[in-house]
Amino acid sequence: MRMTDTSSTGPSMLERQFQLSAHGTTVRTEVLAGITTFLTMAYIIFVNPQILSAAGMPQGSVFVATCLAAFVGTMVMALVANYPIALAPGMGLNAYFAFVVVGTMGFTWQEALAAVLVSGILALIVSVLPIRAWIVNSIPRSLKMATSAGIGFFLGIIALESAGVVVDHPATLVTAGDFTAAGPILALLGFAVVAALNQLRVPGATIIGILAVTLIGIPFGAAQLTGLVSIPPSPAPTLLALDFAKVATAAFWIVALSMFFVDFFDTAGTLVGVAHRAGLLDEQGRLPRLRQALLADSSGTVLGALIGTSNTTSYVESASGVAAGGRTGLASVVTGLCFLAALFFSPLAGSIPAYATAAALLYVAVVMARGLAEVDWDDLTEAAPAAVVAITMPLTYSIATGLGLGFITYVLVKVLTGRMRELNVAVVLMAAIFAIMLPLV
């Protein structure tokens, strides 16, 4: 009798915590959904260390930070917000961190981590105050969608460059690379495989594509498998390595604010989109427990900065777990535990060549570019600023510059067409801030 009571305690605890019955789901369904989400977004444990290594950060430590930030952020989302949404260091902002903040603006990676921490603290503050909804609702949809697409194009040019598909040219800035080399050929092959597998809805399509094209490259000397599992690398080189030397400069604050706004809008859009697919929005189309969900995102960013990675954000790939039946935070618990287990696969992560991660980056760029379909192209006061954002982010190699030029253009076009009534305080304020700060960077 006692054994029966004990065995029934487990399911009742899960029921109380995640309300499985109320959401029409089961433990088995949630476990499968959590594994599905992990397989869909596991590419980040390979891609993020490689991108941040371009900033001089040790890949092993970044690998650990990536797994831990994903684990903690996802667990907070699971246990506090009870949503089947997973988190990890975000694509786009990691490239901004490495190639713009460090590579172009001259920050050290330690100083860039300090900016990530400040952006995370700002997100925490906004998440607990009523102004969070005001900020989200005040930004025009066209600029939100264009920001997503612009970051996608930014990732696209980084992917093409790292694979050697695109190279620099003194006359035309860019030109085609050497298509007799293994890198460009394998990157394009990998991209085609990833896209095809995703179209066929194969679970773990992106990670399968990365591993497949890596194996194909081994006989040609383009890749080398150095191992599969080992004890996790030491996080010491990046742990608490933040440097606030630039905190009093305008450049530091435009970087921190850019990280904050991009992360905040991306998270808000992902949360609403995935929750809509899961049928978790209320009658007014709003997301219950939004504050708790945003706290998960911002706490993940703060922790990630402290241990050594760029901003943590909610992943749209969580929709794959939702499609598999995930409806509660139990699915996220499983995903988080998978990231924790991934700590022991650092040799495999270190074996992935640049052309393989480029294939995944290019696919992510395609997915993010779909945001432009949401822009009203018949209204040039909406379309023109959106196009400015999408075009200037990759061409200036800066998310902040593209975002700033978009806000400024939006205000100017509305004023010049006599449609000032369509402007709100938040948009005008953002345009003014960027107009002042962009020339100072």
Protein backbone atom coordinates (compact mmCIF):
# COMPACT_ATOMS: atom_id res chain seq x y z
CA MET A 1 0.00 0.00 0.00
CA ARG A 2 2.84 2.35 0.86
CA MET A 3 4.54 1.68 -2.49
CA THR A 4 1.33 2.59 -4.33
CA ASP A 5 1.07 5.88 -2.44
CA THR A 6 4.68 6.75 -3.20
CA SER A 7 4.36 6.00 -6.89
CA SER A 8 1.28 8.18 -7.13
CA THR A 9 3.10 11.11 -5.55
CA GLY A 10 5.29 11.67 -8.64
CA PRO A 11 2.49 12.27 -11.14
CA SER A 12 0.54 14.39 -8.63
CA MET A 13 3.56 16.63 -8.10
CA LEU A 14 3.93 17.07 -11.84
CA GLU A 15 0.21 17.72 -12.14
CA ARG A 16 0.29 20.40 -9.45
CA GLN A 17 3.36 22.11 -10.93
CA PHE A 18 2.47 22.00 -14.63
CA GLN A 19 -1.32 21.45 -14.71
CA LEU A 20 -1.01 18.74 -17.33
CA SER A 21 -4.68 17.74 -17.33
CA ALA A 22 -5.87 21.31 -17.70
CA HIS A 23 -3.67 21.65 -20.80
CA GLY A 24 -4.82 18.32 -22.26
CA THR A 25 -1.38 16.73 -22.25
CA THR A 26 0.54 13.86 -20.63
CA VAL A 27 4.01 13.30 -19.21
CA ARG A 28 4.99 11.18 -22.23
CA THR A 29 3.85 13.84 -24.68
CA GLU A 30 5.73 16.57 -22.81
CA VAL A 31 8.93 14.52 -22.67
CA LEU A 32 8.84 13.86 -26.42
CA ALA A 33 8.08 17.53 -27.09
CA GLY A 34 11.01 18.65 -24.95
CA ILE A 35 13.42 16.34 -26.77
CA THR A 36 12.07 17.55 -30.12
CA THR A 37 12.68 21.18 -29.19
CA PHE A 38 16.22 20.40 -28.07
CA LEU A 39 17.07 18.57 -31.29
CA THR A 40 15.72 21.49 -33.33
CA MET A 41 17.81 24.14 -31.54
CA ALA A 42 20.86 22.08 -30.50
CA TYR A 43 22.83 23.67 -33.32
CA ILE A 44 23.43 26.65 -31.01
CA ILE A 45 25.89 24.66 -28.88
CA PHE A 46 28.05 24.29 -32.01
CA VAL A 47 27.45 27.67 -33.64
CA ASN A 48 27.63 30.04 -30.67
CA PRO A 49 31.17 29.08 -29.52
CA GLN A 50 32.46 29.40 -33.06
CA ILE A 51 30.93 32.84 -33.58
CA LEU A 52 32.13 34.22 -30.24
CA SER A 53 35.60 32.77 -30.81
CA ALA A 54 35.91 35.42 -33.55
CA ALA A 55 35.93 37.93 -30.68
CA GLY A 56 38.87 36.10 -29.09
CA MET A 57 36.81 34.15 -26.57
CA PRO A 58 37.96 30.57 -25.78
CA GLN A 59 35.58 28.14 -27.47
CA GLY A 60 35.56 25.64 -24.62
CA SER A 61 34.46 28.18 -22.03
CA VAL A 62 31.83 29.64 -24.37
CA PHE A 63 30.52 26.14 -25.00
CA VAL A 64 29.99 25.65 -21.26
CA ALA A 65 28.43 29.11 -20.91
CA THR A 66 26.08 28.39 -23.82
CA CYS A 67 24.82 25.14 -22.29
CA LEU A 68 24.45 26.62 -18.80
CA ALA A 69 22.68 29.79 -19.95
CA ALA A 70 20.28 27.68 -22.01
CA PHE A 71 19.69 25.33 -19.07
CA VAL A 72 18.99 28.07 -16.52
CA GLY A 73 16.88 30.27 -18.81
CA THR A 74 14.81 27.31 -19.99
CA MET A 75 14.29 26.02 -16.45
CA VAL A 76 13.09 29.43 -15.27
CA MET A 77 10.65 29.51 -18.18
CA ALA A 78 9.48 26.02 -17.23
CA LEU A 79 9.11 26.42 -13.48
CA VAL A 80 8.05 30.07 -13.23
CA ALA A 81 6.08 30.72 -16.42
CA ASN A 82 5.02 27.12 -17.22
CA TYR A 83 5.48 27.50 -20.97
CA PRO A 84 6.91 24.95 -23.48
CA ILE A 85 9.41 27.54 -24.67
CA ALA A 86 13.18 27.04 -24.55
CA LEU A 87 15.91 29.66 -24.34
CA ALA A 88 19.55 29.87 -25.41
CA PRO A 89 22.05 32.52 -26.54
CA GLY A 90 20.38 34.23 -29.49
CA MET A 91 21.47 34.25 -33.10
CA GLY A 92 22.14 37.73 -34.42
CA LEU A 93 23.21 39.31 -31.17
CA ASN A 94 26.10 36.86 -30.87
CA ALA A 95 27.25 37.99 -34.32
CA TYR A 96 26.74 41.64 -33.33
CA PHE A 97 28.83 40.95 -30.22
CA ALA A 98 31.72 39.34 -32.11
CA PHE A 99 31.88 41.12 -35.45
CA VAL A 100 30.64 44.61 -34.61
CA VAL A 101 31.12 45.41 -30.92
CA VAL A 102 34.50 43.67 -30.72
CA GLY A 103 35.58 43.42 -34.35
CA THR A 104 34.62 46.92 -35.51
CA MET A 105 34.02 49.16 -32.48
CA GLY A 106 37.18 48.07 -30.68
CA PHE A 107 35.64 46.68 -27.49
CA THR A 108 37.40 43.79 -25.79
CA TRP A 109 35.19 40.76 -25.33
CA GLN A 110 35.27 41.44 -21.59
CA GLU A 111 33.87 44.94 -22.19
CA ALA A 112 31.25 43.52 -24.54
CA LEU A 113 30.16 41.07 -21.83
CA ALA A 114 29.67 44.05 -19.51
CA ALA A 115 27.29 45.57 -22.09
CA VAL A 116 25.41 42.26 -22.24
CA LEU A 117 25.01 42.31 -18.45
CA VAL A 118 23.68 45.88 -18.50
CA SER A 119 21.21 44.98 -21.26
CA GLY A 120 20.05 42.01 -19.18
CA ILE A 121 19.60 44.17 -16.06
CA LEU A 122 17.57 46.68 -18.10
CA ALA A 123 15.41 43.79 -19.32
CA LEU A 124 14.92 42.60 -15.73
CA ILE A 125 13.80 46.06 -14.65
CA VAL A 126 11.41 46.43 -17.58
CA SER A 127 10.05 42.92 -16.96
CA VAL A 128 8.91 43.75 -13.43
CA LEU A 129 7.51 47.19 -14.25
CA PRO A 130 4.29 48.00 -16.18
CA ILE A 131 6.27 49.83 -18.89
CA ARG A 132 7.15 46.53 -20.57
CA ALA A 133 3.76 46.35 -22.28
CA TRP A 134 3.98 50.03 -23.20
CA ILE A 135 7.31 49.47 -24.94
CA VAL A 136 6.18 46.39 -26.84
CA ASN A 137 2.92 47.94 -27.98
CA SER A 138 4.46 51.30 -28.95
CA ILE A 139 6.94 50.06 -31.56
CA PRO A 140 5.40 49.85 -35.05
CA ARG A 141 4.91 46.31 -36.32
CA SER A 142 6.75 47.14 -39.53
CA LEU A 143 9.93 48.01 -37.61
CA LYS A 144 9.66 44.87 -35.47
CA MET A 145 9.31 42.66 -38.53
CA ALA A 146 12.07 44.47 -40.40
CA THR A 147 14.40 44.09 -37.43
CA SER A 148 13.93 40.33 -37.50
CA ALA A 149 14.56 40.23 -41.25
CA GLY A 150 17.54 42.59 -41.00
CA ILE A 151 19.18 40.40 -38.38
CA GLY A 152 18.54 37.46 -40.69
CA PHE A 153 20.30 39.18 -43.59
CA PHE A 154 23.13 40.10 -41.22
CA LEU A 155 23.53 36.44 -40.30
CA GLY A 156 23.35 35.55 -43.98
CA ILE A 157 26.29 37.71 -45.00
CA ILE A 158 28.31 36.43 -42.04
CA ALA A 159 27.55 32.86 -43.07
CA LEU A 160 28.51 33.45 -46.70
CA GLU A 161 31.70 35.21 -45.66
CA SER A 162 32.79 32.54 -43.17
CA ALA A 163 32.24 29.81 -45.78
CA GLY A 164 34.16 31.69 -48.47
CA VAL A 165 31.13 32.05 -50.72
CA VAL A 166 31.51 35.84 -50.49
CA VAL A 167 34.88 37.60 -50.19
CA ASP A 168 35.97 41.21 -50.01
CA HIS A 169 36.90 43.21 -53.12
CA PRO A 170 38.57 46.66 -53.26
CA ALA A 171 36.30 47.94 -56.04
CA THR A 172 32.93 46.37 -55.32
CA LEU A 173 33.29 45.69 -51.54
CA VAL A 174 32.19 42.07 -52.04
CA THR A 175 32.49 39.47 -54.77
CA ALA A 176 32.18 35.71 -55.29
CA GLY A 177 34.66 33.39 -53.60
CA ASP A 178 36.54 30.40 -54.99
CA PHE A 179 33.96 27.76 -55.90
CA THR A 180 36.66 25.18 -56.54
CA ALA A 181 37.46 25.17 -52.81
CA ALA A 182 35.79 22.73 -50.43
CA GLY A 183 34.39 25.34 -48.05
CA PRO A 184 31.90 27.12 -50.36
CA ILE A 185 30.77 23.85 -51.97
CA LEU A 186 30.17 22.06 -48.68
CA ALA A 187 28.49 25.09 -47.11
CA LEU A 188 25.96 25.32 -49.95
CA LEU A 189 25.45 21.55 -49.88
CA GLY A 190 24.88 21.70 -46.12
CA PHE A 191 22.41 24.55 -46.51
CA ALA A 192 20.45 22.57 -49.11
CA VAL A 193 20.37 19.53 -46.80
CA VAL A 194 19.23 21.59 -43.80
CA ALA A 195 16.53 23.35 -45.82
CA ALA A 196 15.28 20.09 -47.34
CA LEU A 197 15.15 18.26 -44.01
CA ASN A 198 13.31 21.15 -42.38
CA GLN A 199 10.82 21.22 -45.24
CA LEU A 200 10.26 17.50 -44.69
CA ARG A 201 9.79 18.26 -40.95
CA VAL A 202 12.49 15.82 -39.89
CA PRO A 203 13.10 16.18 -36.12
CA GLY A 204 16.54 17.66 -35.49
CA ALA A 205 16.86 18.65 -39.15
CA THR A 206 19.37 21.47 -38.60
CA ILE A 207 21.70 19.50 -36.34
CA ILE A 208 21.50 16.50 -38.70
CA GLY A 209 22.52 18.74 -41.60
CA ILE A 210 25.47 20.18 -39.65
CA LEU A 211 26.78 16.74 -38.66
CA ALA A 212 26.19 15.24 -42.11
CA VAL A 213 28.11 17.90 -44.01
CA THR A 214 30.89 17.76 -41.39
CA LEU A 215 31.29 14.02 -42.01
CA ILE A 216 31.26 14.57 -45.78
CA GLY A 217 34.12 17.02 -45.43
CA ILE A 218 36.42 14.65 -43.48
CA PRO A 219 37.66 12.63 -46.52
CA PHE A 220 38.50 15.91 -48.29
CA GLY A 221 40.49 17.24 -45.36
CA ALA A 222 37.94 20.02 -44.77
CA ALA A 223 36.94 18.71 -41.33
CA GLN A 224 38.52 16.61 -38.61
CA LEU A 225 36.64 14.75 -35.88
CA THR A 226 38.68 15.14 -32.67
CA GLY A 227 36.35 13.31 -30.31
CA LEU A 228 32.80 12.84 -29.11
CA VAL A 229 32.47 13.10 -25.33
CA SER A 230 34.65 14.29 -22.45
CA ILE A 231 34.56 16.09 -19.14
CA PRO A 232 33.22 19.65 -19.74
CA PRO A 233 35.88 22.33 -20.33
CA SER A 234 36.64 24.80 -17.56
CA PRO A 235 34.45 27.93 -17.55
CA ALA A 236 37.16 29.84 -15.67
CA PRO A 237 38.54 31.88 -18.63
CA THR A 238 35.19 33.67 -19.14
CA LEU A 239 33.62 33.36 -15.68
CA LEU A 240 33.04 36.83 -14.16
CA ALA A 241 35.45 38.29 -16.73
CA LEU A 242 33.39 41.44 -17.36
CA ASP A 243 35.16 44.77 -17.80
CA PHE A 244 33.24 48.03 -17.23
CA ALA A 245 36.03 50.31 -18.49
CA LYS A 246 33.80 51.81 -21.20
CA VAL A 247 30.64 52.22 -19.10
CA ALA A 248 30.92 56.03 -19.14
CA THR A 249 31.06 56.24 -22.96
CA ALA A 250 28.23 56.79 -25.44
CA ALA A 251 29.41 53.77 -27.43
CA PHE A 252 28.89 51.48 -24.45
CA TRP A 253 25.32 52.63 -23.92
CA ILE A 254 24.29 52.44 -27.55
CA VAL A 255 25.61 48.87 -27.61
CA ALA A 256 23.81 47.96 -24.38
CA LEU A 257 20.56 49.63 -25.48
CA SER A 258 20.71 47.99 -28.90
CA MET A 259 21.17 44.58 -27.30
CA PHE A 260 18.29 45.33 -24.94
CA PHE A 261 15.82 46.45 -27.60
CA VAL A 262 16.65 43.74 -30.13
CA ASP A 263 16.50 41.02 -27.47
CA PHE A 264 13.31 42.42 -25.94
CA PHE A 265 11.39 42.69 -29.22
CA ASP A 266 12.66 39.34 -30.47
CA THR A 267 11.59 37.64 -27.24
CA ALA A 268 8.17 39.29 -27.23
CA GLY A 269 7.53 38.21 -30.82
CA THR A 270 8.71 34.67 -30.20
CA LEU A 271 6.64 34.28 -27.04
CA VAL A 272 3.45 35.45 -28.71
CA GLY A 273 4.07 33.44 -31.88
CA VAL A 274 4.84 30.14 -30.15
CA ALA A 275 2.05 30.61 -27.59
CA HIS A 276 -0.41 31.27 -30.41
CA ARG A 277 0.55 28.00 -32.09
CA ALA A 278 0.07 26.21 -28.76
CA GLY A 279 -3.32 27.83 -28.16
CA LEU A 280 -2.10 29.47 -24.96
CA LEU A 281 -3.20 33.07 -25.65
CA ASP A 282 -6.25 34.45 -23.85
CA GLU A 283 -9.47 35.73 -25.46
CA GLN A 284 -7.88 39.12 -26.19
CA GLY A 285 -4.89 37.52 -27.88
CA ARG A 286 -2.62 38.35 -24.95
CA LEU A 287 -0.08 36.08 -23.32
CA PRO A 288 -0.86 35.20 -19.69
CA ARG A 289 2.15 35.26 -17.34
CA LEU A 290 4.04 37.53 -19.74
CA ARG A 291 6.04 39.02 -16.88
CA GLN A 292 7.24 35.60 -15.75
CA ALA A 293 8.20 34.66 -19.31
CA LEU A 294 10.18 37.88 -19.77
CA LEU A 295 11.92 37.27 -16.44
CA ALA A 296 13.16 33.95 -17.78
CA ASP A 297 14.68 35.67 -20.80
CA SER A 298 16.34 38.49 -18.85
CA SER A 299 17.64 36.23 -16.08
CA GLY A 300 19.21 34.01 -18.72
CA THR A 301 20.96 37.03 -20.24
CA VAL A 302 22.30 38.17 -16.85
CA LEU A 303 23.62 34.70 -16.03
CA GLY A 304 25.04 34.27 -19.54
CA ALA A 305 26.99 37.53 -19.25
CA LEU A 306 28.43 36.45 -15.90
CA ILE A 307 29.61 33.07 -17.18
CA GLY A 308 30.63 34.17 -20.67
CA THR A 309 28.14 34.39 -23.53
CA SER A 310 25.96 36.88 -25.38
CA ASN A 311 22.26 37.61 -24.83
CA THR A 312 19.92 34.71 -24.07
CA THR A 313 16.54 34.76 -25.77
CA SER A 314 13.45 32.64 -26.38
CA TYR A 315 13.77 30.36 -29.42
CA VAL A 316 11.18 30.17 -32.17
CA GLU A 317 12.35 26.58 -32.67
CA SER A 318 10.24 25.83 -29.58
CA ALA A 319 7.35 25.67 -32.04
CA SER A 320 8.66 22.24 -33.08
CA GLY A 321 8.02 20.96 -29.57
CA VAL A 322 4.59 22.58 -29.58
CA ALA A 323 3.85 20.80 -32.84
CA ALA A 324 4.82 17.55 -31.10
CA GLY A 325 2.20 18.23 -28.41
CA GLY A 326 4.09 20.25 -25.80
CA ARG A 327 1.80 22.54 -23.82
CA THR A 328 3.46 23.08 -20.43
CA GLY A 329 6.76 23.85 -18.76
CA LEU A 330 7.44 20.13 -18.33
CA ALA A 331 8.54 20.07 -21.97
CA SER A 332 10.97 22.90 -21.19
CA VAL A 333 12.32 21.00 -18.17
CA VAL A 334 13.24 18.15 -20.52
CA THR A 335 14.84 20.55 -23.00
CA GLY A 336 16.83 22.20 -20.21
CA LEU A 337 18.10 18.86 -18.95
CA CYS A 338 19.19 17.99 -22.50
CA PHE A 339 21.31 21.16 -22.60
CA LEU A 340 22.85 20.18 -19.27
CA ALA A 341 23.71 16.73 -20.65
CA ALA A 342 25.20 18.38 -23.75
CA LEU A 343 28.02 19.74 -21.56
CA PHE A 344 29.80 16.43 -22.08
CA PHE A 345 29.90 16.77 -25.89
CA SER A 346 32.44 19.59 -26.16
CA PRO A 347 34.88 17.61 -28.39
CA LEU A 348 32.13 17.18 -30.97
CA ALA A 349 31.30 20.88 -30.78
CA GLY A 350 34.95 21.76 -31.32
CA SER A 351 35.12 19.53 -34.40
CA ILE A 352 32.41 21.36 -36.36
CA PRO A 353 34.06 23.36 -39.19
CA ALA A 354 33.09 26.89 -40.21
CA TYR A 355 31.42 25.78 -43.44
CA ALA A 356 29.03 23.52 -41.49
CA THR A 357 27.93 26.24 -39.07
CA ALA A 358 27.63 28.59 -42.06
CA ALA A 359 25.03 26.24 -43.52
CA ALA A 360 22.96 26.50 -40.35
CA LEU A 361 23.38 30.27 -40.18
CA LEU A 362 22.19 30.66 -43.75
CA TYR A 363 19.09 28.61 -42.96
CA VAL A 364 18.35 30.75 -39.88
CA ALA A 365 18.69 33.81 -42.14
CA VAL A 366 16.00 32.41 -44.44
CA VAL A 367 13.63 31.77 -41.54
CA MET A 368 14.11 35.27 -40.15
CA ALA A 369 13.69 36.96 -43.53
CA ARG A 370 10.02 35.97 -43.58
CA GLY A 371 9.34 38.94 -41.30
CA LEU A 372 9.32 41.19 -44.36
CA ALA A 373 6.12 39.48 -45.51
CA GLU A 374 4.34 41.17 -42.59
CA VAL A 375 5.21 44.69 -43.80
CA ASP A 376 2.53 46.76 -45.55
CA TRP A 377 4.34 47.45 -48.82
CA ASP A 378 1.48 49.60 -50.13
CA ASP A 379 2.18 52.20 -47.43
CA LEU A 380 5.60 53.74 -48.02
CA THR A 381 5.61 55.39 -44.60
CA GLU A 382 5.78 51.85 -43.22
CA ALA A 383 7.66 50.11 -46.05
CA ALA A 384 10.48 52.63 -46.50
CA PRO A 385 11.70 52.54 -42.86
CA ALA A 386 11.36 48.75 -42.86
CA ALA A 387 13.51 48.47 -45.99
CA VAL A 388 16.10 50.81 -44.46
CA VAL A 389 16.36 48.56 -41.41
CA ALA A 390 16.61 45.33 -43.42
CA ILE A 391 19.18 46.71 -45.88
CA THR A 392 21.43 48.70 -43.56
CA MET A 393 21.89 46.06 -40.86
CA PRO A 394 23.96 43.73 -43.07
CA LEU A 395 25.58 46.45 -45.17
CA THR A 396 26.75 48.51 -42.18
CA TYR A 397 27.56 45.32 -40.29
CA SER A 398 25.63 46.71 -37.34
CA ILE A 399 22.26 45.86 -35.83
CA ALA A 400 22.34 49.11 -33.86
CA THR A 401 22.94 51.28 -36.92
CA GLY A 402 20.19 49.60 -38.91
CA LEU A 403 17.73 49.86 -36.04
CA GLY A 404 18.60 53.51 -35.42
CA LEU A 405 18.31 54.52 -39.08
CA GLY A 406 14.95 52.75 -39.22
CA PHE A 407 13.54 54.71 -36.28
CA ILE A 408 14.85 58.01 -37.65
CA THR A 409 13.46 57.32 -41.14
CA TYR A 410 10.10 56.29 -39.70
CA VAL A 411 9.67 59.58 -37.83
CA LEU A 412 10.88 61.73 -40.73
CA VAL A 413 8.63 60.08 -43.32
CA LYS A 414 5.57 60.31 -41.07
CA VAL A 415 6.24 64.01 -40.40
CA LEU A 416 6.89 64.88 -44.06
CA THR A 417 3.66 63.18 -45.16
CA GLY A 418 1.58 64.97 -42.56
CA ARG A 419 0.90 61.82 -40.55
CA MET A 420 2.39 62.91 -37.24
CA ARG A 421 -0.69 61.62 -35.43
CA GLU A 422 0.52 58.08 -36.13
CA LEU A 423 3.66 58.67 -34.09
CA ASN A 424 3.86 57.92 -30.39
CA VAL A 425 6.16 59.05 -27.64
CA ALA A 426 8.24 55.86 -27.60
CA VAL A 427 9.06 55.98 -31.32
CA VAL A 428 9.95 59.68 -31.28
CA LEU A 429 12.08 59.18 -28.18
CA MET A 430 13.95 56.26 -29.76
CA ALA A 431 14.54 58.24 -32.97
CA ALA A 432 15.92 61.17 -30.96
CA ILE A 433 18.21 58.94 -28.92
CA PHE A 434 19.64 57.25 -32.01
CA ALA A 435 20.01 60.61 -33.84
CA ILE A 436 22.16 61.86 -30.97
CA MET A 437 24.14 58.68 -30.28
CA LEU A 438 24.85 57.24 -33.73
CA PRO A 439 27.32 60.02 -34.71
CA LEU A 440 29.15 59.46 -31.43
CA VAL A 441 29.91 55.78 -32.01
